Amino acid sequence: MFDTILVPVDPAEPKFSAPALEAAARFANDYGSKVRLVAVLAQTQGFIASYLPEDFESKAMGETRAMLEDLAKGMGLADGRVSGWCAAAASITRSSRKLASSRRVSS
């Protein structure tokens, strides 16, 4: 019934995802599905970024990936059945715009 179950995770409040993670694990076990955990990091505004360390965003991305890995391990599913993905909001916006423009139909 479900091939892949998408579970959004707020990097700032991963505990809020606990009910969704539990439900996703149940569905994955019942239907043999895979689970994909998704986290999106907030875009750092330019004027704020100038006050932060140069590697701030890459560290935040690494910490978020590690958090997703920990959540995935805690789901109790076999290896390869859970994967995590995270991105910065700016790259999601660019990708969405590119996808939207590629799907426009000209008359």
Protein backbone atom coordinates (compact mmCIF):
# COMPACT_ATOMS: atom_id res chain seq x y z
CA MET A 1 0.00 0.00 0.00
CA PHE A 2 2.80 2.44 0.92
CA ASP A 3 6.14 2.25 -0.91
CA THR A 4 7.79 5.18 0.85
CA ILE A 5 6.59 7.09 3.88
CA LEU A 6 7.77 10.69 4.16
CA VAL A 7 8.18 12.04 7.71
CA PRO A 8 8.99 15.74 8.19
CA VAL A 9 11.23 16.52 11.17
CA ASP A 10 11.78 19.97 12.65
CA PRO A 11 15.52 20.18 13.39
CA ALA A 12 14.80 22.60 16.26
CA GLU A 13 12.21 20.31 17.89
CA PRO A 14 12.82 16.69 16.84
CA LYS A 15 10.79 15.39 19.82
CA PHE A 16 7.64 16.77 18.21
CA SER A 17 8.09 14.16 15.46
CA ALA A 18 7.90 11.19 17.87
CA PRO A 19 4.22 10.33 17.15
CA ALA A 20 4.81 10.53 13.39
CA LEU A 21 7.96 8.39 13.65
CA GLU A 22 6.09 5.75 15.64
CA ALA A 23 3.24 5.66 13.12
CA ALA A 24 5.67 5.54 10.19
CA ALA A 25 7.54 2.61 11.77
CA ARG A 26 4.25 0.72 12.26
CA PHE A 27 3.18 1.33 8.66
CA ALA A 28 6.64 0.40 7.37
CA ASN A 29 6.55 -2.88 9.28
CA ASP A 30 2.97 -3.65 8.25
CA TYR A 31 3.43 -2.86 4.55
CA GLY A 32 7.15 -3.46 3.99
CA SER A 33 7.63 0.23 3.21
CA LYS A 34 10.70 2.43 3.35
CA VAL A 35 10.77 5.59 5.48
CA ARG A 36 12.36 8.86 4.47
CA LEU A 37 12.98 11.47 7.17
CA VAL A 38 13.12 15.05 5.89
CA ALA A 39 14.46 18.16 7.59
CA VAL A 40 14.77 21.64 6.14
CA LEU A 41 17.07 24.17 7.75
CA ALA A 42 16.00 27.78 7.93
CA GLN A 43 17.74 30.16 5.58
CA THR A 44 20.25 32.37 7.37
CA GLN A 45 19.70 36.00 6.43
CA GLY A 46 22.71 37.82 5.02
CA PHE A 47 23.01 40.41 7.75
CA ILE A 48 22.90 37.70 10.44
CA ALA A 49 25.31 35.42 8.59
CA SER A 50 28.00 38.10 8.81
CA TYR A 51 27.98 37.65 12.62
CA LEU A 52 28.17 33.86 12.52
CA PRO A 53 31.22 31.65 12.03
CA GLU A 54 32.00 30.96 8.38
CA ASP A 55 31.21 27.26 8.74
CA PHE A 56 27.91 27.80 10.62
CA GLU A 57 25.64 26.42 7.90
CA SER A 58 27.80 23.38 7.16
CA LYS A 59 27.97 22.56 10.90
CA ALA A 60 24.19 22.96 11.21
CA MET A 61 23.71 20.66 8.21
CA GLY A 62 26.05 18.07 9.72
CA GLU A 63 24.29 18.22 13.10
CA THR A 64 20.92 17.83 11.40
CA ARG A 65 22.11 14.82 9.40
CA ALA A 66 23.42 13.25 12.62
CA MET A 67 20.09 13.92 14.33
CA LEU A 68 18.22 12.25 11.44
CA GLU A 69 20.55 9.25 11.65
CA ASP A 70 19.86 8.93 15.38
CA LEU A 71 16.11 9.15 14.82
CA ALA A 72 16.35 6.55 12.05
CA LYS A 73 18.25 4.13 14.31
CA GLY A 74 15.64 4.62 17.02
CA MET A 75 12.82 3.51 14.69
CA GLY A 76 13.88 -0.12 14.94
CA LEU A 77 13.68 -0.82 11.21
CA ALA A 78 16.19 -2.91 9.27
CA ASP A 79 19.17 -1.24 7.59
CA GLY A 80 18.26 0.33 4.29
CA ARG A 81 14.61 0.82 5.23
CA VAL A 82 15.10 4.32 6.69
CA SER A 83 16.94 7.21 5.09
CA GLY A 84 17.32 10.85 5.98
CA TRP A 85 17.54 13.94 3.84
CA CYS A 86 18.12 17.54 4.80
CA ALA A 87 18.62 20.75 2.90
CA ALA A 88 18.81 24.47 3.44
CA ALA A 89 15.66 26.43 2.66
CA ALA A 90 17.45 28.49 0.01
CA SER A 91 18.37 25.43 -2.05
CA ILE A 92 14.81 24.11 -1.79
CA THR A 93 13.49 27.45 -3.06
CA ARG A 94 15.90 27.44 -6.01
CA SER A 95 15.04 23.84 -6.86
CA SER A 96 11.30 24.54 -6.65
CA ARG A 97 11.60 27.56 -8.94
CA LYS A 98 13.65 25.58 -11.44
CA LEU A 99 11.13 22.72 -11.40
CA ALA A 100 8.18 25.11 -11.74
CA SER A 101 9.74 26.90 -14.71
CA SER A 102 10.52 23.60 -16.43
CA ARG A 103 6.87 22.53 -16.19
CA ARG A 104 5.33 25.72 -17.58
CA VAL A 105 3.34 25.24 -20.73
CA SER A 106 3.69 27.97 -23.33
CA SER A 107 0.79 28.81 -25.58
